[in-house]
N, C-alpha and C. Protein backbone atom coordinates (compact mmCIF):
# COMPACT_ATOMS: atom_id res chain seq x y z
N UNK A 1 -73.83 -32.60 33.14
CA UNK A 1 -73.06 -32.04 34.43
C UNK A 1 -74.32 -31.05 34.32
N UNK A 2 -74.42 -30.32 33.00
CA UNK A 2 -75.34 -28.64 33.22
C UNK A 2 -76.35 -29.25 33.26
N UNK A 3 -77.28 -30.48 33.35
CA UNK A 3 -78.78 -30.91 33.38
C UNK A 3 -79.16 -31.22 34.76
N UNK A 4 -78.11 -31.46 35.18
CA UNK A 4 -78.61 -32.18 36.83
C UNK A 4 -78.88 -30.83 38.05
N UNK A 5 -79.40 -31.35 38.65
CA UNK A 5 -80.25 -30.62 39.76
C UNK A 5 -79.44 -30.57 41.16
N UNK A 6 -78.81 -29.19 41.91
CA UNK A 6 -78.56 -29.33 43.13
C UNK A 6 -79.81 -28.48 43.83
N UNK A 7 -80.57 -29.37 44.57
CA UNK A 7 -82.17 -28.77 44.87
C UNK A 7 -82.95 -28.14 43.55
N UNK A 8 -82.94 -27.10 43.66
CA UNK A 8 -83.78 -26.46 42.56
C UNK A 8 -82.89 -25.92 41.82
N UNK A 9 -82.01 -25.61 41.91
CA UNK A 9 -81.02 -24.92 41.00
C UNK A 9 -80.13 -25.99 39.85
N UNK A 10 -79.71 -25.33 38.91
CA UNK A 10 -79.09 -26.39 37.93
C UNK A 10 -77.41 -26.43 38.42
N UNK A 11 -76.69 -27.65 38.17
CA UNK A 11 -75.40 -27.61 38.47
C UNK A 11 -74.68 -26.34 37.48
N UNK A 12 -74.93 -26.15 36.45
CA UNK A 12 -74.51 -25.06 35.88
C UNK A 12 -74.40 -23.74 36.42
N UNK A 13 -75.14 -23.38 36.80
CA UNK A 13 -75.16 -22.09 38.10
C UNK A 13 -74.52 -22.26 39.15
N UNK A 14 -74.01 -23.27 39.88
CA UNK A 14 -73.59 -23.49 40.95
C UNK A 14 -71.78 -23.51 40.59
N UNK A 15 -71.75 -24.43 39.24
CA UNK A 15 -70.37 -24.48 38.96
C UNK A 15 -69.97 -23.26 38.47
N UNK A 16 -70.57 -22.36 37.70
CA UNK A 16 -70.05 -21.08 37.34
C UNK A 16 -70.12 -20.13 38.81
N UNK A 17 -71.00 -20.21 39.44
CA UNK A 17 -70.20 -19.09 41.04
C UNK A 17 -69.34 -19.74 41.60
N UNK A 18 -69.09 -21.16 41.33
CA UNK A 18 -67.94 -21.57 42.13
C UNK A 18 -66.32 -21.28 41.43
N UNK A 19 -66.66 -21.21 40.20
CA UNK A 19 -65.46 -20.80 39.14
C UNK A 19 -65.21 -19.36 39.41
N UNK A 20 -66.26 -17.98 39.66
CA UNK A 20 -66.00 -17.07 39.68
C UNK A 20 -65.87 -16.61 41.26
N UNK A 21 -66.70 -17.33 42.07
CA UNK A 21 -66.00 -16.92 43.50
C UNK A 21 -64.30 -17.12 44.00
N UNK A 22 -63.69 -17.84 43.20
CA UNK A 22 -62.02 -17.85 43.30
C UNK A 22 -62.01 -18.76 44.37
N UNK A 23 -62.86 -19.73 45.03
CA UNK A 23 -62.93 -20.65 45.61
C UNK A 23 -62.70 -21.88 44.93
N UNK A 24 -62.48 -23.13 45.87
CA UNK A 24 -62.50 -24.62 44.94
C UNK A 24 -63.58 -25.03 45.78
N UNK A 25 -64.18 -26.37 45.32
CA UNK A 25 -65.09 -27.39 45.40
C UNK A 25 -65.21 -28.88 44.84
N UNK A 26 -65.16 -29.60 45.57
CA UNK A 26 -65.19 -30.87 45.30
C UNK A 26 -66.92 -31.59 44.56
N UNK A 27 -67.27 -31.61 43.68
CA UNK A 27 -68.06 -32.34 43.38
C UNK A 27 -68.24 -33.89 43.15
N UNK A 28 -69.14 -34.44 43.79
CA UNK A 28 -69.04 -36.06 43.64
C UNK A 28 -68.86 -36.67 42.51
N UNK A 29 -69.53 -35.89 41.60
CA UNK A 29 -70.10 -36.31 40.30
C UNK A 29 -70.28 -35.38 39.13
N UNK A 30 -69.06 -35.02 38.42
CA UNK A 30 -69.29 -34.11 36.71
C UNK A 30 -69.25 -35.12 35.95
N UNK A 31 -70.09 -34.78 34.65
CA UNK A 31 -69.40 -35.27 33.28
C UNK A 31 -68.12 -34.80 32.47
N UNK A 32 -67.42 -35.13 32.58
CA UNK A 32 -66.16 -34.81 31.82
C UNK A 32 -65.35 -35.74 31.16
N UNK A 33 -64.41 -35.30 30.07
CA UNK A 33 -63.67 -36.08 29.27
C UNK A 33 -62.88 -36.93 30.15
N UNK A 34 -62.65 -38.30 29.52
CA UNK A 34 -61.48 -38.78 30.90
C UNK A 34 -60.13 -38.60 30.22
N UNK A 35 -59.41 -38.15 31.06
CA UNK A 35 -58.10 -37.83 30.54
C UNK A 35 -57.22 -38.51 31.29
N UNK A 36 -57.32 -39.46 31.31
CA UNK A 36 -56.47 -40.78 32.23
C UNK A 36 -57.24 -40.74 33.84
N UNK A 37 -57.91 -40.21 34.21
CA UNK A 37 -58.52 -40.40 35.60
C UNK A 37 -59.01 -41.37 36.02
N UNK A 38 -59.83 -42.22 34.90
CA UNK A 38 -60.20 -43.67 34.95
C UNK A 38 -59.31 -44.46 33.97
N UNK A 39 -58.42 -45.26 34.40
CA UNK A 39 -57.15 -45.93 33.70
C UNK A 39 -57.73 -47.21 32.81
N UNK A 40 -58.68 -47.77 32.97
CA UNK A 40 -59.02 -49.09 32.42
C UNK A 40 -60.44 -48.70 31.95
N UNK A 41 -60.54 -47.35 31.28
CA UNK A 41 -61.24 -46.57 30.16
C UNK A 41 -60.83 -46.03 29.51
N UNK A 42 -61.56 -45.83 28.02
CA UNK A 42 -60.71 -45.30 26.95
C UNK A 42 -60.80 -43.71 27.49
N UNK A 43 -59.66 -43.22 27.07
CA UNK A 43 -59.64 -41.62 27.22
C UNK A 43 -60.14 -40.97 26.01
N UNK A 44 -60.72 -39.89 26.80
CA UNK A 44 -61.71 -38.94 25.96
C UNK A 44 -63.26 -39.73 26.20
N UNK A 45 -63.83 -40.59 26.71
CA UNK A 45 -64.98 -40.85 26.83
C UNK A 45 -65.28 -40.01 28.12
N UNK A 46 -66.69 -39.51 27.72
CA UNK A 46 -67.73 -39.04 29.15
C UNK A 46 -67.60 -39.54 30.08
N UNK A 47 -67.29 -39.41 31.06
CA UNK A 47 -67.62 -40.38 32.63
C UNK A 47 -67.86 -39.26 33.80
N UNK A 48 -69.01 -39.55 34.44
CA UNK A 48 -69.10 -38.93 35.68
C UNK A 48 -68.16 -39.27 36.70
N UNK A 49 -67.34 -38.59 36.90
CA UNK A 49 -66.55 -38.84 37.77
C UNK A 49 -66.15 -37.51 39.42
N UNK A 50 -65.50 -37.68 40.05
CA UNK A 50 -65.31 -36.63 40.87
C UNK A 50 -64.70 -35.56 40.68
N UNK A 51 -64.84 -34.59 40.58
CA UNK A 51 -64.29 -33.36 40.16
C UNK A 51 -63.98 -32.19 41.09
N UNK A 52 -62.80 -31.48 40.71
CA UNK A 52 -62.38 -30.39 41.46
C UNK A 52 -62.73 -29.06 40.70
N UNK A 53 -63.71 -27.88 41.18
CA UNK A 53 -64.17 -26.73 40.59
C UNK A 53 -63.32 -26.01 41.44
N UNK A 54 -62.72 -24.64 40.48
CA UNK A 54 -62.30 -23.81 41.02
C UNK A 54 -62.08 -22.57 40.19
N UNK A 55 -60.84 -21.63 40.36
CA UNK A 55 -60.71 -20.32 39.40
C UNK A 55 -60.02 -21.02 38.08
N UNK A 56 -59.60 -22.19 37.96
CA UNK A 56 -58.71 -22.88 36.90
C UNK A 56 -59.97 -23.59 36.00
N UNK A 57 -61.12 -23.86 36.58
CA UNK A 57 -62.22 -24.20 35.50
C UNK A 57 -62.40 -25.83 36.13
N UNK A 58 -62.62 -26.75 35.53
CA UNK A 58 -63.10 -27.95 36.15
C UNK A 58 -61.84 -29.26 35.81
N UNK A 59 -61.57 -29.55 36.82
CA UNK A 59 -60.57 -30.82 36.61
C UNK A 59 -60.83 -31.91 37.36
N UNK A 60 -61.06 -33.16 36.73
CA UNK A 60 -61.21 -34.62 37.17
C UNK A 60 -60.15 -34.61 38.37
N UNK A 61 -60.98 -35.64 39.12
CA UNK A 61 -59.42 -36.22 40.06
C UNK A 61 -59.82 -37.52 39.52
N UNK A 62 -58.46 -38.26 39.73
CA UNK A 62 -58.03 -39.55 39.68
C UNK A 62 -58.49 -40.36 40.39
N UNK A 63 -59.12 -41.28 39.74
CA UNK A 63 -59.44 -42.49 40.31
C UNK A 63 -58.71 -43.90 40.22
N UNK A 64 -58.59 -44.12 38.98
CA UNK A 64 -57.60 -45.09 39.12
C UNK A 64 -58.37 -46.40 38.48
N UNK A 65 -57.93 -47.79 38.32
CA UNK A 65 -58.93 -48.74 37.85
C UNK A 65 -60.14 -48.73 38.43
N UNK A 66 -60.89 -49.16 37.87
CA UNK A 66 -62.66 -49.65 38.34
C UNK A 66 -62.53 -51.18 38.16
N UNK A 67 -63.14 -51.71 39.38
CA UNK A 67 -63.45 -53.15 39.37
C UNK A 67 -63.57 -53.39 38.00
N UNK A 68 -63.01 -54.67 37.52
CA UNK A 68 -63.33 -55.25 36.25
C UNK A 68 -64.78 -55.40 35.60
N UNK A 69 -65.31 -56.05 36.13
CA UNK A 69 -66.98 -56.15 36.08
C UNK A 69 -67.89 -54.29 35.83
N UNK A 70 -67.32 -53.78 36.64
CA UNK A 70 -68.07 -52.13 36.48
C UNK A 70 -67.43 -51.47 35.40
N UNK A 71 -66.01 -51.79 35.15
CA UNK A 71 -65.50 -51.36 33.70
C UNK A 71 -65.81 -51.96 32.40
N UNK A 72 -66.10 -53.32 32.76
CA UNK A 72 -66.42 -53.99 31.16
C UNK A 72 -68.18 -53.28 31.09
N UNK A 73 -69.00 -53.27 32.00
CA UNK A 73 -70.18 -52.36 31.93
C UNK A 73 -70.02 -51.27 31.36
N UNK A 74 -69.11 -50.13 32.01
CA UNK A 74 -69.24 -48.68 31.58
C UNK A 74 -68.66 -48.89 30.07
N UNK A 75 -68.01 -49.74 29.84
CA UNK A 75 -67.00 -49.61 28.04
C UNK A 75 -68.11 -50.25 27.60
N UNK A 76 -68.63 -51.32 27.71
CA UNK A 76 -70.02 -51.53 26.67
C UNK A 76 -71.18 -50.07 26.27
N UNK A 77 -71.35 -49.74 27.50
CA UNK A 77 -72.11 -48.88 27.43
C UNK A 77 -71.87 -47.18 26.59
N UNK A 78 -70.31 -47.07 26.65
CA UNK A 78 -68.99 -46.60 26.18
C UNK A 78 -69.16 -46.61 24.45
N UNK A 79 -69.28 -47.85 24.18
CA UNK A 79 -69.50 -48.37 22.73
C UNK A 79 -70.56 -48.32 22.19
N UNK A 80 -71.73 -48.12 22.94
CA UNK A 80 -72.98 -47.91 22.49
C UNK A 80 -73.17 -46.47 22.24
N UNK A 81 -72.55 -45.71 22.70
CA UNK A 81 -72.81 -44.43 22.78
C UNK A 81 -72.00 -43.91 21.49
N UNK A 82 -71.13 -44.40 21.30
CA UNK A 82 -70.16 -44.51 19.74
C UNK A 82 -70.85 -44.44 18.72
N UNK A 83 -71.74 -45.62 19.07
CA UNK A 83 -72.29 -45.96 17.87
C UNK A 83 -73.82 -45.05 17.46
N UNK A 84 -74.05 -44.37 18.25
CA UNK A 84 -75.17 -43.86 18.28
C UNK A 84 -74.88 -42.35 17.73
N UNK A 85 -73.39 -41.88 17.96
CA UNK A 85 -72.88 -41.04 17.38
C UNK A 85 -72.61 -41.15 16.15
N UNK A 86 -71.95 -42.34 15.71
CA UNK A 86 -71.75 -42.74 14.25
C UNK A 86 -72.79 -42.63 13.27
N UNK A 87 -73.96 -43.30 13.76
CA UNK A 87 -75.45 -43.50 12.95
C UNK A 87 -75.54 -41.57 12.69
N UNK A 88 -75.65 -40.94 13.88
CA UNK A 88 -76.46 -39.41 13.81
C UNK A 88 -75.47 -38.73 12.50
N UNK A 89 -74.30 -38.99 12.61
CA UNK A 89 -73.32 -38.20 11.68
C UNK A 89 -73.31 -38.77 10.44
N UNK A 90 -73.34 -39.99 10.31
CA UNK A 90 -73.68 -41.00 8.99
C UNK A 90 -75.06 -41.15 8.15
N UNK A 91 -75.68 -40.77 8.84
CA UNK A 91 -77.41 -41.21 8.67
C UNK A 91 -77.43 -42.63 8.05
N UNK A 92 -76.33 -43.67 8.99
CA UNK A 92 -76.51 -45.11 8.67
C UNK A 92 -77.74 -45.66 9.34
N UNK A 93 -78.70 -46.46 8.86
CA UNK A 93 -79.88 -47.33 9.41
C UNK A 93 -79.31 -48.26 9.99
N UNK A 94 -78.52 -48.70 9.33
CA UNK A 94 -77.84 -50.32 10.02
C UNK A 94 -76.82 -49.69 11.25
N UNK A 95 -76.14 -48.93 11.27
CA UNK A 95 -75.24 -48.19 12.15
C UNK A 95 -76.45 -48.01 13.51
N UNK A 96 -77.42 -47.39 13.23
CA UNK A 96 -78.63 -46.86 14.47
C UNK A 96 -79.23 -47.96 14.89
N UNK A 97 -79.02 -48.95 14.10
CA UNK A 97 -80.26 -50.29 14.25
C UNK A 97 -78.91 -51.23 15.16
N UNK A 98 -77.65 -51.15 14.96
CA UNK A 98 -76.71 -51.84 15.69
C UNK A 98 -76.62 -51.45 17.17
N UNK A 99 -76.91 -49.87 17.07
CA UNK A 99 -76.84 -49.01 18.38
C UNK A 99 -77.78 -49.76 19.29
N UNK A 100 -78.95 -49.66 18.59
CA UNK A 100 -80.18 -50.09 19.45
C UNK A 100 -79.68 -51.53 20.17
N UNK A 101 -79.52 -52.36 19.19
CA UNK A 101 -79.39 -53.74 19.65
C UNK A 101 -78.07 -54.06 20.61
N UNK A 102 -77.21 -53.17 20.83
CA UNK A 102 -76.32 -52.90 21.72
C UNK A 102 -76.75 -52.92 23.27
N UNK A 103 -77.70 -52.29 23.19
CA UNK A 103 -78.71 -52.02 24.38
C UNK A 103 -79.15 -53.12 25.11
N UNK A 104 -78.70 -53.68 26.39
CA UNK A 104 -79.35 -54.82 26.97
C UNK A 104 -80.40 -55.04 27.11
N UNK A 105 -81.38 -53.60 27.06
CA UNK A 105 -82.85 -53.41 27.06
C UNK A 105 -83.75 -54.16 25.80
N UNK A 106 -83.15 -53.86 25.04
CA UNK A 106 -83.63 -54.27 23.56
C UNK A 106 -83.71 -55.99 23.52
N UNK A 107 -84.45 -56.79 23.27
CA UNK A 107 -84.26 -57.93 23.37
C UNK A 107 -84.94 -58.64 21.69
N UNK A 108 -85.07 -57.95 21.06
CA UNK A 108 -85.18 -58.39 19.58
C UNK A 108 -84.86 -57.71 18.55
N UNK A 109 -84.48 -58.13 17.37
CA UNK A 109 -84.32 -57.29 16.14
C UNK A 109 -85.57 -56.38 15.56
N UNK A 110 -86.87 -57.37 16.16
CA UNK A 110 -88.06 -56.63 15.50
C UNK A 110 -88.23 -55.39 16.45
N UNK A 111 -88.20 -55.52 17.62
CA UNK A 111 -88.22 -54.30 18.61
C UNK A 111 -87.15 -53.13 18.16
N UNK A 112 -86.27 -53.50 18.27
CA UNK A 112 -84.93 -52.68 17.62
C UNK A 112 -85.20 -51.83 16.78
N UNK A 113 -86.11 -52.94 15.61
CA UNK A 113 -86.42 -51.94 13.89
C UNK A 113 -87.73 -51.12 14.09
N UNK A 114 -88.75 -51.26 15.07
CA UNK A 114 -89.76 -50.75 15.30
C UNK A 114 -89.31 -49.37 16.27
N UNK A 115 -88.64 -49.09 17.15
CA UNK A 115 -88.09 -48.57 17.76
C UNK A 115 -87.40 -47.14 16.75
N UNK A 116 -86.71 -48.46 16.09
CA UNK A 116 -85.68 -46.82 15.20
C UNK A 116 -86.79 -46.76 13.94
N UNK A 117 -87.88 -46.94 13.36
CA UNK A 117 -88.46 -46.63 12.66
C UNK A 117 -89.53 -45.26 13.36
N UNK A 118 -90.00 -45.60 14.78
CA UNK A 118 -90.52 -44.63 15.47
C UNK A 118 -90.30 -43.65 15.36
N UNK A 119 -88.64 -43.33 15.84
CA UNK A 119 -87.75 -42.34 16.50
C UNK A 119 -87.78 -41.76 14.82
N UNK A 120 -87.19 -42.16 14.04
CA UNK A 120 -86.98 -41.56 12.58
C UNK A 120 -87.91 -40.91 12.03
N UNK A 121 -89.18 -41.46 12.62
CA UNK A 121 -90.81 -40.80 12.24
C UNK A 121 -90.75 -39.62 12.96
N UNK A 122 -90.93 -39.66 14.14
CA UNK A 122 -91.42 -38.59 14.85
C UNK A 122 -90.35 -37.71 14.89
N UNK A 123 -88.98 -38.14 14.96
CA UNK A 123 -87.82 -36.67 14.80
C UNK A 123 -87.36 -36.77 13.26
N UNK A 124 -87.93 -36.87 12.29
CA UNK A 124 -87.50 -36.72 10.92
C UNK A 124 -87.25 -35.38 10.67
N UNK A 125 -87.69 -34.30 11.42
CA UNK A 125 -87.20 -32.81 10.87
C UNK A 125 -85.97 -32.34 11.64
N UNK A 126 -85.33 -33.10 12.50
CA UNK A 126 -83.95 -32.87 13.09
C UNK A 126 -82.80 -34.22 12.60
N UNK A 127 -83.77 -34.97 11.90
CA UNK A 127 -82.60 -36.24 11.18
C UNK A 127 -82.61 -36.41 9.86
N UNK A 128 -82.72 -35.32 9.58
CA UNK A 128 -82.57 -35.57 7.76
C UNK A 128 -81.70 -36.42 7.11
N UNK A 129 -80.67 -36.48 7.69
CA UNK A 129 -79.06 -37.46 7.21
C UNK A 129 -80.05 -39.10 6.92
N UNK A 130 -81.08 -39.20 7.74
CA UNK A 130 -81.51 -40.82 7.48
C UNK A 130 -82.39 -40.70 6.52
N UNK A 131 -82.89 -39.84 5.58
CA UNK A 131 -84.16 -39.70 5.06
C UNK A 131 -83.71 -39.44 3.26
């Protein structure tokens, strides 16, 4: 939500101005926790959904069930992200490798291992839990 741009401005500035103006505005897609807005995806997962912004803050708009194929694809991405978070917290290389292998773009364990080694080397200063 806060890295996106509206023209040349950040959504964050636009959202703050909307909240402080006392007016209401609908945004087509903001990243917020799923609090039952999408009924066939896990609660708490961060989803990009239509949202209402106003003096009371940011509120998701009910979507209901997504088509099964779409929900399955998004659910898979949610599980990948959970693996990434688990790996980052634990410093477990095996979990980090699982996260990479869960990505459909990665086509072999050798590629995943090389990417993981490169990432951990390049960002070792920020990922001391892996060393």
